[in-house]
All heavy atoms as atom14 arrays in JSON, in Angstrom:
{
  "sequence": "IGTLIFFMVTRGKVPSFLGSSFAFIGAVSAATAYAGSGPNLNIPLAL",
  "atom14_mask": [
    [1, 1, 1, 1, 1, 1, 1, 1, 0, 0, 0, 0, 0, 0],
    [1, 1, 1, 1, 0, 0, 0, 0, 0, 0, 0, 0, 0, 0],
    [1, 1, 1, 1, 1, 1, 1, 0, 0, 0, 0, 0, 0, 0],
    [1, 1, 1, 1, 1, 1, 1, 1, 0, 0, 0, 0, 0, 0],
    [1, 1, 1, 1, 1, 1, 1, 1, 0, 0, 0, 0, 0, 0],
    [1, 1, 1, 1, 1, 1, 1, 1, 1, 1, 1, 0, 0, 0],
    [1, 1, 1, 1, 1, 1, 1, 1, 1, 1, 1, 0, 0, 0],
    [1, 1, 1, 1, 1, 1, 1, 1, 0, 0, 0, 0, 0, 0],
    [1, 1, 1, 1, 1, 1, 1, 0, 0, 0, 0, 0, 0, 0],
    [1, 1, 1, 1, 1, 1, 1, 0, 0, 0, 0, 0, 0, 0],
    [1, 1, 1, 1, 1, 1, 1, 1, 1, 1, 1, 0, 0, 0],
    [1, 1, 1, 1, 0, 0, 0, 0, 0, 0, 0, 0, 0, 0],
    [1, 1, 1, 1, 1, 1, 1, 1, 1, 0, 0, 0, 0, 0],
    [1, 1, 1, 1, 1, 1, 1, 0, 0, 0, 0, 0, 0, 0],
    [1, 1, 1, 1, 1, 1, 1, 0, 0, 0, 0, 0, 0, 0],
    [1, 1, 1, 1, 1, 1, 0, 0, 0, 0, 0, 0, 0, 0],
    [1, 1, 1, 1, 1, 1, 1, 1, 1, 1, 1, 0, 0, 0],
    [1, 1, 1, 1, 1, 1, 1, 1, 0, 0, 0, 0, 0, 0],
    [1, 1, 1, 1, 0, 0, 0, 0, 0, 0, 0, 0, 0, 0],
    [1, 1, 1, 1, 1, 1, 0, 0, 0, 0, 0, 0, 0, 0],
    [1, 1, 1, 1, 1, 1, 0, 0, 0, 0, 0, 0, 0, 0],
    [1, 1, 1, 1, 1, 1, 1, 1, 1, 1, 1, 0, 0, 0],
    [1, 1, 1, 1, 1, 0, 0, 0, 0, 0, 0, 0, 0, 0],
    [1, 1, 1, 1, 1, 1, 1, 1, 1, 1, 1, 0, 0, 0],
    [1, 1, 1, 1, 1, 1, 1, 1, 0, 0, 0, 0, 0, 0],
    [1, 1, 1, 1, 0, 0, 0, 0, 0, 0, 0, 0, 0, 0],
    [1, 1, 1, 1, 1, 0, 0, 0, 0, 0, 0, 0, 0, 0],
    [1, 1, 1, 1, 1, 1, 1, 0, 0, 0, 0, 0, 0, 0],
    [1, 1, 1, 1, 1, 1, 0, 0, 0, 0, 0, 0, 0, 0],
    [1, 1, 1, 1, 1, 0, 0, 0, 0, 0, 0, 0, 0, 0],
    [1, 1, 1, 1, 1, 0, 0, 0, 0, 0, 0, 0, 0, 0],
    [1, 1, 1, 1, 1, 1, 1, 0, 0, 0, 0, 0, 0, 0],
    [1, 1, 1, 1, 1, 0, 0, 0, 0, 0, 0, 0, 0, 0],
    [1, 1, 1, 1, 1, 1, 1, 1, 1, 1, 1, 1, 0, 0],
    [1, 1, 1, 1, 1, 0, 0, 0, 0, 0, 0, 0, 0, 0],
    [1, 1, 1, 1, 0, 0, 0, 0, 0, 0, 0, 0, 0, 0],
    [1, 1, 1, 1, 1, 1, 0, 0, 0, 0, 0, 0, 0, 0],
    [1, 1, 1, 1, 0, 0, 0, 0, 0, 0, 0, 0, 0, 0],
    [1, 1, 1, 1, 1, 1, 1, 0, 0, 0, 0, 0, 0, 0],
    [1, 1, 1, 1, 1, 1, 1, 1, 0, 0, 0, 0, 0, 0],
    [1, 1, 1, 1, 1, 1, 1, 1, 0, 0, 0, 0, 0, 0],
    [1, 1, 1, 1, 1, 1, 1, 1, 0, 0, 0, 0, 0, 0],
    [1, 1, 1, 1, 1, 1, 1, 1, 0, 0, 0, 0, 0, 0],
    [1, 1, 1, 1, 1, 1, 1, 0, 0, 0, 0, 0, 0, 0],
    [1, 1, 1, 1, 1, 1, 1, 1, 0, 0, 0, 0, 0, 0],
    [1, 1, 1, 1, 1, 0, 0, 0, 0, 0, 0, 0, 0, 0],
    [1, 1, 1, 1, 1, 1, 1, 1, 0, 0, 0, 0, 0, 0]
  ],
  "atom14_positions": [
    [[-4.59, -6.74, -8.58], [-3.62, -7.84, -8.67], [-3.4, -8.48, -7.3], [-3.35, -9.7, -7.16], [-2.29, -7.33, -9.26], [-2.5, -6.94, -10.73], [-1.19, -8.38, -9.13], [-1.29, -6.27, -11.37], [0.0, 0.0, 0.0], [0.0, 0.0, 0.0], [0.0, 0.0, 0.0], [0.0, 0.0, 0.0], [0.0, 0.0, 0.0], [0.0, 0.0, 0.0]],
    [[-3.31, -7.62, -6.26], [-3.12, -8.12, -4.9], [-4.28, -8.99, -4.44], [-4.09, -10.0, -3.77], [0.0, 0.0, 0.0], [0.0, 0.0, 0.0], [0.0, 0.0, 0.0], [0.0, 0.0, 0.0], [0.0, 0.0, 0.0], [0.0, 0.0, 0.0], [0.0, 0.0, 0.0], [0.0, 0.0, 0.0], [0.0, 0.0, 0.0], [0.0, 0.0, 0.0]],
    [[-5.49, -8.58, -4.8], [-6.68, -9.36, -4.44], [-6.64, -10.75, -5.07], [-6.96, -11.76, -4.42], [-7.96, -8.62, -4.87], [-8.04, -7.38, -4.16], [-9.2, -9.44, -4.58], [0.0, 0.0, 0.0], [0.0, 0.0, 0.0], [0.0, 0.0, 0.0], [0.0, 0.0, 0.0], [0.0, 0.0, 0.0], [0.0, 0.0, 0.0], [0.0, 0.0, 0.0]],
    [[-6.23, -10.83, -6.34], [-6.14, -12.12, -7.02], [-5.02, -12.98, -6.42], [-5.18, -14.2, -6.27], [-5.9, -11.91, -8.51], [-7.03, -11.17, -9.27], [-6.68, -11.04, -10.75], [-8.35, -11.9, -9.1], [0.0, 0.0, 0.0], [0.0, 0.0, 0.0], [0.0, 0.0, 0.0], [0.0, 0.0, 0.0], [0.0, 0.0, 0.0], [0.0, 0.0, 0.0]],
    [[-3.9, -12.35, -6.05], [-2.8, -13.09, -5.4], [-3.28, -13.66, -4.07], [-3.04, -14.83, -3.75], [-1.59, -12.16, -5.19], [-0.93, -11.83, -6.53], [-0.57, -12.82, -4.24], [0.14, -10.76, -6.43], [0.0, 0.0, 0.0], [0.0, 0.0, 0.0], [0.0, 0.0, 0.0], [0.0, 0.0, 0.0], [0.0, 0.0, 0.0], [0.0, 0.0, 0.0]],
    [[-3.96, -12.83, -3.29], [-4.47, -13.25, -1.99], [-5.43, -14.45, -2.16], [-5.37, -15.42, -1.4], [-5.19, -12.09, -1.32], [-5.66, -12.36, 0.08], [-4.81, -12.16, 1.17], [-6.96, -12.79, 0.34], [-5.25, -12.41, 2.46], [-7.4, -13.03, 1.62], [-6.53, -12.84, 2.69], [0.0, 0.0, 0.0], [0.0, 0.0, 0.0], [0.0, 0.0, 0.0]],
    [[-6.28, -14.37, -3.15], [-7.22, -15.46, -3.43], [-6.48, -16.77, -3.7], [-6.83, -17.83, -3.18], [-8.1, -15.08, -4.62], [-9.0, -16.2, -5.09], [-10.26, -16.37, -4.53], [-8.59, -17.07, -6.09], [-11.09, -17.41, -4.96], [-9.41, -18.11, -6.53], [-10.66, -18.28, -5.95], [0.0, 0.0, 0.0], [0.0, 0.0, 0.0], [0.0, 0.0, 0.0]],
    [[-5.44, -16.7, -4.54], [-4.71, -17.92, -4.91], [-3.92, -18.48, -3.73], [-3.92, -19.7, -3.51], [-3.78, -17.62, -6.08], [-4.51, -17.3, -7.39], [-5.65, -18.62, -7.91], [-4.51, -19.98, -8.13], [0.0, 0.0, 0.0], [0.0, 0.0, 0.0], [0.0, 0.0, 0.0], [0.0, 0.0, 0.0], [0.0, 0.0, 0.0], [0.0, 0.0, 0.0]],
    [[-3.25, -17.61, -2.97], [-2.42, -18.09, -1.85], [-3.29, -18.72, -0.76], [-2.91, -19.72, -0.15], [-1.56, -16.95, -1.28], [-0.82, -17.4, -0.02], [-0.56, -16.47, -2.32], [0.0, 0.0, 0.0], [0.0, 0.0, 0.0], [0.0, 0.0, 0.0], [0.0, 0.0, 0.0], [0.0, 0.0, 0.0], [0.0, 0.0, 0.0], [0.0, 0.0, 0.0]],
    [[-4.45, -18.13, -0.5], [-5.34, -18.69, 0.53], [-6.22, -19.81, -0.03], [-7.1, -20.31, 0.67], [-6.25, -17.59, 1.13], [-7.04, -17.0, 0.09], [-5.42, -16.51, 1.8], [0.0, 0.0, 0.0], [0.0, 0.0, 0.0], [0.0, 0.0, 0.0], [0.0, 0.0, 0.0], [0.0, 0.0, 0.0], [0.0, 0.0, 0.0], [0.0, 0.0, 0.0]],
    [[-6.01, -20.17, -1.28], [-6.75, -21.24, -1.95], [-8.25, -20.97, -1.99], [-9.07, -21.89, -1.89], [-6.47, -22.59, -1.27], [-5.01, -23.02, -1.34], [-4.76, -24.29, -0.59], [-3.36, -24.71, -0.69], [-2.83, -25.74, -0.02], [-3.59, -26.47, 0.78], [-1.55, -26.04, -0.16], [0.0, 0.0, 0.0], [0.0, 0.0, 0.0], [0.0, 0.0, 0.0]],
    [[-8.6, -19.7, -2.08], [-9.99, -19.33, -2.2], [-10.82, -19.54, -0.95], [-12.05, -19.62, -1.03], [0.0, 0.0, 0.0], [0.0, 0.0, 0.0], [0.0, 0.0, 0.0], [0.0, 0.0, 0.0], [0.0, 0.0, 0.0], [0.0, 0.0, 0.0], [0.0, 0.0, 0.0], [0.0, 0.0, 0.0], [0.0, 0.0, 0.0], [0.0, 0.0, 0.0]],
    [[-10.18, -19.6, 0.22], [-10.91, -19.89, 1.47], [-11.23, -18.65, 2.29], [-12.09, -18.69, 3.17], [-10.12, -20.88, 2.31], [-10.0, -22.26, 1.69], [-9.28, -23.23, 2.61], [-9.22, -24.62, 1.98], [-8.51, -25.6, 2.85], [0.0, 0.0, 0.0], [0.0, 0.0, 0.0], [0.0, 0.0, 0.0], [0.0, 0.0, 0.0], [0.0, 0.0, 0.0]],
    [[-10.52, -17.53, 2.03], [-10.71, -16.32, 2.84], [-11.24, -15.21, 1.94], [-10.52, -14.7, 1.08], [-9.39, -15.87, 3.5], [-9.63, -14.62, 4.36], [-8.81, -16.99, 4.35], [0.0, 0.0, 0.0], [0.0, 0.0, 0.0], [0.0, 0.0, 0.0], [0.0, 0.0, 0.0], [0.0, 0.0, 0.0], [0.0, 0.0, 0.0], [0.0, 0.0, 0.0]],
    [[-12.5, -14.8, 2.1], [-13.05, -13.72, 1.27], [-12.49, -12.37, 1.69], [-12.67, -11.93, 2.82], [-14.56, -13.8, 1.54], [-14.67, -14.42, 2.9], [-13.5, -15.35, 3.04], [0.0, 0.0, 0.0], [0.0, 0.0, 0.0], [0.0, 0.0, 0.0], [0.0, 0.0, 0.0], [0.0, 0.0, 0.0], [0.0, 0.0, 0.0], [0.0, 0.0, 0.0]],
    [[-11.78, -11.7, 0.77], [-11.23, -10.4, 1.09], [-10.78, -9.65, -0.16], [-10.27, -10.26, -1.1], [-10.03, -10.52, 2.04], [-9.56, -9.24, 2.41], [0.0, 0.0, 0.0], [0.0, 0.0, 0.0], [0.0, 0.0, 0.0], [0.0, 0.0, 0.0], [0.0, 0.0, 0.0], [0.0, 0.0, 0.0], [0.0, 0.0, 0.0], [0.0, 0.0, 0.0]],
    [[-11.0, -8.35, -0.14], [-10.47, -7.45, -1.16], [-9.27, -6.75, -0.55], [-9.34, -6.22, 0.56], [-11.54, -6.43, -1.54], [-11.11, -5.49, -2.65], [-11.28, -5.84, -3.98], [-10.55, -4.25, -2.36], [-10.9, -4.98, -5.0], [-10.16, -3.4, -3.37], [-10.34, -3.76, -4.7], [0.0, 0.0, 0.0], [0.0, 0.0, 0.0], [0.0, 0.0, 0.0]],
    [[-8.13, -6.75, -1.24], [-6.94, -6.08, -0.76], [-6.87, -4.68, -1.34], [-7.08, -4.49, -2.54], [-5.68, -6.86, -1.14], [-5.1, -7.76, -0.04], [-6.12, -8.79, 0.39], [-3.82, -8.44, -0.52], [0.0, 0.0, 0.0], [0.0, 0.0, 0.0], [0.0, 0.0, 0.0], [0.0, 0.0, 0.0], [0.0, 0.0, 0.0], [0.0, 0.0, 0.0]],
    [[-6.59, -3.7, -0.49], [-6.47, -2.32, -0.94], [-5.33, -1.61, -0.24], [-4.66, -2.17, 0.63], [0.0, 0.0, 0.0], [0.0, 0.0, 0.0], [0.0, 0.0, 0.0], [0.0, 0.0, 0.0], [0.0, 0.0, 0.0], [0.0, 0.0, 0.0], [0.0, 0.0, 0.0], [0.0, 0.0, 0.0], [0.0, 0.0, 0.0], [0.0, 0.0, 0.0]],
    [[-5.12, -0.37, -0.6], [-4.03, 0.44, -0.03], [-4.25, 0.63, 1.47], [-5.33, 1.02, 1.91], [-3.98, 1.8, -0.72], [-3.86, 1.64, -2.11], [0.0, 0.0, 0.0], [0.0, 0.0, 0.0], [0.0, 0.0, 0.0], [0.0, 0.0, 0.0], [0.0, 0.0, 0.0], [0.0, 0.0, 0.0], [0.0, 0.0, 0.0], [0.0, 0.0, 0.0]],
    [[-3.22, 0.37, 2.24], [-3.33, 0.43, 3.7], [-3.06, 1.84, 4.22], [-2.04, 2.46, 3.9], [-2.35, -0.54, 4.35], [-2.35, -0.38, 5.75], [0.0, 0.0, 0.0], [0.0, 0.0, 0.0], [0.0, 0.0, 0.0], [0.0, 0.0, 0.0], [0.0, 0.0, 0.0], [0.0, 0.0, 0.0], [0.0, 0.0, 0.0], [0.0, 0.0, 0.0]],
    [[-3.96, 2.33, 5.08], [-3.76, 3.62, 5.72], [-2.63, 3.56, 6.75], [-2.1, 4.59, 7.15], [-5.05, 4.08, 6.4], [-6.09, 4.59, 5.45], [-7.0, 3.74, 4.86], [-6.14, 5.93, 5.12], [-7.95, 4.2, 3.97], [-7.08, 6.41, 4.23], [-7.99, 5.54, 3.65], [0.0, 0.0, 0.0], [0.0, 0.0, 0.0], [0.0, 0.0, 0.0]],
    [[-2.28, 2.36, 7.19], [-1.23, 2.22, 8.2], [0.11, 2.72, 7.7], [0.99, 3.07, 8.49], [-1.11, 0.75, 8.61], [0.0, 0.0, 0.0], [0.0, 0.0, 0.0], [0.0, 0.0, 0.0], [0.0, 0.0, 0.0], [0.0, 0.0, 0.0], [0.0, 0.0, 0.0], [0.0, 0.0, 0.0], [0.0, 0.0, 0.0], [0.0, 0.0, 0.0]],
    [[0.3, 2.78, 6.37], [1.58, 3.22, 5.8], [1.69, 4.74, 5.72], [2.78, 5.26, 5.48], [1.76, 2.64, 4.4], [2.13, 1.19, 4.36], [1.15, 0.22, 4.24], [3.45, 0.79, 4.46], [1.48, -1.13, 4.2], [3.8, -0.54, 4.43], [2.8, -1.51, 4.3], [0.0, 0.0, 0.0], [0.0, 0.0, 0.0], [0.0, 0.0, 0.0]],
    [[0.58, 5.47, 5.88], [0.6, 6.91, 5.6], [1.63, 7.65, 6.44], [2.46, 8.41, 5.91], [-0.8, 7.52, 5.82], [-1.79, 6.93, 4.82], [-0.74, 9.04, 5.65], [-3.22, 7.38, 5.03], [0.0, 0.0, 0.0], [0.0, 0.0, 0.0], [0.0, 0.0, 0.0], [0.0, 0.0, 0.0], [0.0, 0.0, 0.0], [0.0, 0.0, 0.0]],
    [[1.6, 7.44, 7.74], [2.53, 8.16, 8.61], [3.98, 7.83, 8.32], [4.84, 8.73, 8.23], [0.0, 0.0, 0.0], [0.0, 0.0, 0.0], [0.0, 0.0, 0.0], [0.0, 0.0, 0.0], [0.0, 0.0, 0.0], [0.0, 0.0, 0.0], [0.0, 0.0, 0.0], [0.0, 0.0, 0.0], [0.0, 0.0, 0.0], [0.0, 0.0, 0.0]],
    [[4.27, 6.54, 8.16], [5.66, 6.12, 7.92], [6.16, 6.61, 6.57], [7.3, 7.08, 6.44], [5.75, 4.59, 7.99], [0.0, 0.0, 0.0], [0.0, 0.0, 0.0], [0.0, 0.0, 0.0], [0.0, 0.0, 0.0], [0.0, 0.0, 0.0], [0.0, 0.0, 0.0], [0.0, 0.0, 0.0], [0.0, 0.0, 0.0], [0.0, 0.0, 0.0]],
    [[5.31, 6.52, 5.53], [5.71, 6.99, 4.2], [5.91, 8.5, 4.21], [6.87, 9.01, 3.62], [4.65, 6.58, 3.15], [4.89, 7.32, 1.82], [4.68, 5.08, 2.92], [0.0, 0.0, 0.0], [0.0, 0.0, 0.0], [0.0, 0.0, 0.0], [0.0, 0.0, 0.0], [0.0, 0.0, 0.0], [0.0, 0.0, 0.0], [0.0, 0.0, 0.0]],
    [[5.01, 9.23, 4.85], [5.14, 10.69, 4.92], [6.43, 11.08, 5.63], [7.13, 12.01, 5.2], [3.94, 11.29, 5.66], [2.74, 11.03, 4.95], [0.0, 0.0, 0.0], [0.0, 0.0, 0.0], [0.0, 0.0, 0.0], [0.0, 0.0, 0.0], [0.0, 0.0, 0.0], [0.0, 0.0, 0.0], [0.0, 0.0, 0.0], [0.0, 0.0, 0.0]],
    [[6.77, 10.36, 6.7], [8.0, 10.66, 7.43], [9.24, 10.3, 6.6], [10.23, 11.05, 6.58], [8.01, 9.9, 8.75], [0.0, 0.0, 0.0], [0.0, 0.0, 0.0], [0.0, 0.0, 0.0], [0.0, 0.0, 0.0], [0.0, 0.0, 0.0], [0.0, 0.0, 0.0], [0.0, 0.0, 0.0], [0.0, 0.0, 0.0], [0.0, 0.0, 0.0]],
    [[9.19, 9.17, 5.91], [10.34, 8.71, 5.14], [10.61, 9.57, 3.91], [11.75, 9.69, 3.46], [10.15, 7.25, 4.71], [0.0, 0.0, 0.0], [0.0, 0.0, 0.0], [0.0, 0.0, 0.0], [0.0, 0.0, 0.0], [0.0, 0.0, 0.0], [0.0, 0.0, 0.0], [0.0, 0.0, 0.0], [0.0, 0.0, 0.0], [0.0, 0.0, 0.0]],
    [[9.55, 10.19, 3.37], [9.7, 10.95, 2.13], [9.54, 12.46, 2.31], [9.64, 13.21, 1.34], [8.65, 10.49, 1.09], [7.33, 10.7, 1.62], [8.82, 9.01, 0.77], [0.0, 0.0, 0.0], [0.0, 0.0, 0.0], [0.0, 0.0, 0.0], [0.0, 0.0, 0.0], [0.0, 0.0, 0.0], [0.0, 0.0, 0.0], [0.0, 0.0, 0.0]],
    [[9.28, 12.89, 3.56], [9.05, 14.32, 3.85], [7.96, 14.89, 2.95], [8.08, 15.99, 2.4], [10.36, 15.11, 3.69], [0.0, 0.0, 0.0], [0.0, 0.0, 0.0], [0.0, 0.0, 0.0], [0.0, 0.0, 0.0], [0.0, 0.0, 0.0], [0.0, 0.0, 0.0], [0.0, 0.0, 0.0], [0.0, 0.0, 0.0], [0.0, 0.0, 0.0]],
    [[6.88, 14.14, 2.8], [5.79, 14.53, 1.91], [4.85, 15.51, 2.61], [4.5, 15.33, 3.77], [5.02, 13.28, 1.48], [3.9, 13.55, 0.51], [4.13, 14.19, -0.7], [2.6, 13.14, 0.81], [3.1, 14.42, -1.6], [1.56, 13.35, -0.09], [1.82, 14.0, -1.29], [0.8, 14.23, -2.17], [0.0, 0.0, 0.0], [0.0, 0.0, 0.0]],
    [[4.42, 16.54, 1.87], [3.6, 17.61, 2.45], [2.12, 17.3, 2.47], [1.33, 18.02, 3.08], [3.83, 18.92, 1.69], [0.0, 0.0, 0.0], [0.0, 0.0, 0.0], [0.0, 0.0, 0.0], [0.0, 0.0, 0.0], [0.0, 0.0, 0.0], [0.0, 0.0, 0.0], [0.0, 0.0, 0.0], [0.0, 0.0, 0.0], [0.0, 0.0, 0.0]],
    [[1.68, 16.25, 1.77], [0.28, 15.85, 1.85], [-0.55, 16.1, 0.61], [-1.72, 15.73, 0.58], [0.0, 0.0, 0.0], [0.0, 0.0, 0.0], [0.0, 0.0, 0.0], [0.0, 0.0, 0.0], [0.0, 0.0, 0.0], [0.0, 0.0, 0.0], [0.0, 0.0, 0.0], [0.0, 0.0, 0.0], [0.0, 0.0, 0.0], [0.0, 0.0, 0.0]],
    [[0.01, 16.72, -0.42], [-0.75, 16.94, -1.66], [0.19, 16.96, -2.85], [1.37, 17.3, -2.73], [-1.52, 18.27, -1.58], [-0.63, 19.36, -1.48], [0.0, 0.0, 0.0], [0.0, 0.0, 0.0], [0.0, 0.0, 0.0], [0.0, 0.0, 0.0], [0.0, 0.0, 0.0], [0.0, 0.0, 0.0], [0.0, 0.0, 0.0], [0.0, 0.0, 0.0]],
    [[-0.35, 16.56, -4.02], [0.45, 16.54, -5.24], [1.32, 15.3, -5.31], [1.31, 14.45, -4.43], [0.0, 0.0, 0.0], [0.0, 0.0, 0.0], [0.0, 0.0, 0.0], [0.0, 0.0, 0.0], [0.0, 0.0, 0.0], [0.0, 0.0, 0.0], [0.0, 0.0, 0.0], [0.0, 0.0, 0.0], [0.0, 0.0, 0.0], [0.0, 0.0, 0.0]],
    [[2.12, 15.17, -6.4], [3.01, 14.02, -6.55], [4.08, 13.99, -5.46], [4.56, 15.04, -5.03], [3.64, 14.22, -7.93], [2.75, 15.2, -8.63], [2.18, 16.08, -7.56], [0.0, 0.0, 0.0], [0.0, 0.0, 0.0], [0.0, 0.0, 0.0], [0.0, 0.0, 0.0], [0.0, 0.0, 0.0], [0.0, 0.0, 0.0], [0.0, 0.0, 0.0]],
    [[4.45, 12.81, -5.04], [5.51, 12.64, -4.05], [6.8, 12.31, -4.79], [6.94, 11.22, -5.35], [5.13, 11.52, -3.07], [6.1, 11.42, -1.9], [7.23, 11.86, -1.99], [5.63, 10.83, -0.82], [0.0, 0.0, 0.0], [0.0, 0.0, 0.0], [0.0, 0.0, 0.0], [0.0, 0.0, 0.0], [0.0, 0.0, 0.0], [0.0, 0.0, 0.0]],
    [[7.74, 13.26, -4.82], [8.97, 13.09, -5.6], [9.92, 12.06, -5.0], [10.85, 11.6, -5.67], [9.69, 14.44, -5.74], [8.88, 15.55, -6.43], [9.7, 16.84, -6.49], [8.45, 15.12, -7.83], [0.0, 0.0, 0.0], [0.0, 0.0, 0.0], [0.0, 0.0, 0.0], [0.0, 0.0, 0.0], [0.0, 0.0, 0.0], [0.0, 0.0, 0.0]],
    [[9.7, 11.69, -3.73], [10.59, 10.73, -3.07], [9.95, 9.36, -2.9], [10.37, 8.57, -2.04], [11.0, 11.28, -1.7], [11.85, 12.52, -1.8], [12.74, 12.6, -2.65], [11.57, 13.51, -0.97], [0.0, 0.0, 0.0], [0.0, 0.0, 0.0], [0.0, 0.0, 0.0], [0.0, 0.0, 0.0], [0.0, 0.0, 0.0], [0.0, 0.0, 0.0]],
    [[8.94, 9.07, -3.72], [8.23, 7.79, -3.63], [9.18, 6.58, -3.67], [8.98, 5.61, -2.93], [7.18, 7.68, -4.76], [5.91, 8.44, -4.35], [6.82, 6.24, -5.06], [5.18, 7.83, -3.18], [0.0, 0.0, 0.0], [0.0, 0.0, 0.0], [0.0, 0.0, 0.0], [0.0, 0.0, 0.0], [0.0, 0.0, 0.0], [0.0, 0.0, 0.0]],
    [[10.24, 6.56, -4.52], [11.12, 5.38, -4.54], [11.68, 4.99, -3.17], [11.86, 3.81, -2.89], [12.24, 5.8, -5.51], [11.56, 6.75, -6.45], [10.61, 7.53, -5.58], [0.0, 0.0, 0.0], [0.0, 0.0, 0.0], [0.0, 0.0, 0.0], [0.0, 0.0, 0.0], [0.0, 0.0, 0.0], [0.0, 0.0, 0.0], [0.0, 0.0, 0.0]],
    [[11.96, 5.99, -2.31], [12.46, 5.69, -0.97], [11.41, 4.91, -0.18], [11.74, 3.95, 0.53], [12.8, 6.99, -0.23], [13.92, 7.85, -0.81], [14.06, 9.14, -0.01], [15.23, 7.07, -0.8], [0.0, 0.0, 0.0], [0.0, 0.0, 0.0], [0.0, 0.0, 0.0], [0.0, 0.0, 0.0], [0.0, 0.0, 0.0], [0.0, 0.0, 0.0]],
    [[10.16, 5.34, -0.3], [9.07, 4.65, 0.4], [8.87, 3.24, -0.16], [8.6, 2.3, 0.59], [7.78, 5.46, 0.29], [0.0, 0.0, 0.0], [0.0, 0.0, 0.0], [0.0, 0.0, 0.0], [0.0, 0.0, 0.0], [0.0, 0.0, 0.0], [0.0, 0.0, 0.0], [0.0, 0.0, 0.0], [0.0, 0.0, 0.0], [0.0, 0.0, 0.0]],
    [[9.0, 3.11, -1.48], [8.77, 1.8, -2.1], [9.73, 0.75, -1.57], [9.35, -0.41, -1.36], [8.9, 1.92, -3.62], [7.9, 2.83, -4.33], [8.19, 2.87, -5.83], [6.47, 2.35, -4.08], [0.0, 0.0, 0.0], [0.0, 0.0, 0.0], [0.0, 0.0, 0.0], [0.0, 0.0, 0.0], [0.0, 0.0, 0.0], [0.0, 0.0, 0.0]]
  ]
}
């Protein structure tokens, strides 16, 4: 969905696939006290 949104907003001029950013890993892990495996029970805080 993000890739299609990006396509429309840029009017089809910038070729790119949007995916999950690794830049969020540290901040999300810190905000949710996530241990690194299994479901994250505090995901709403990160969202």
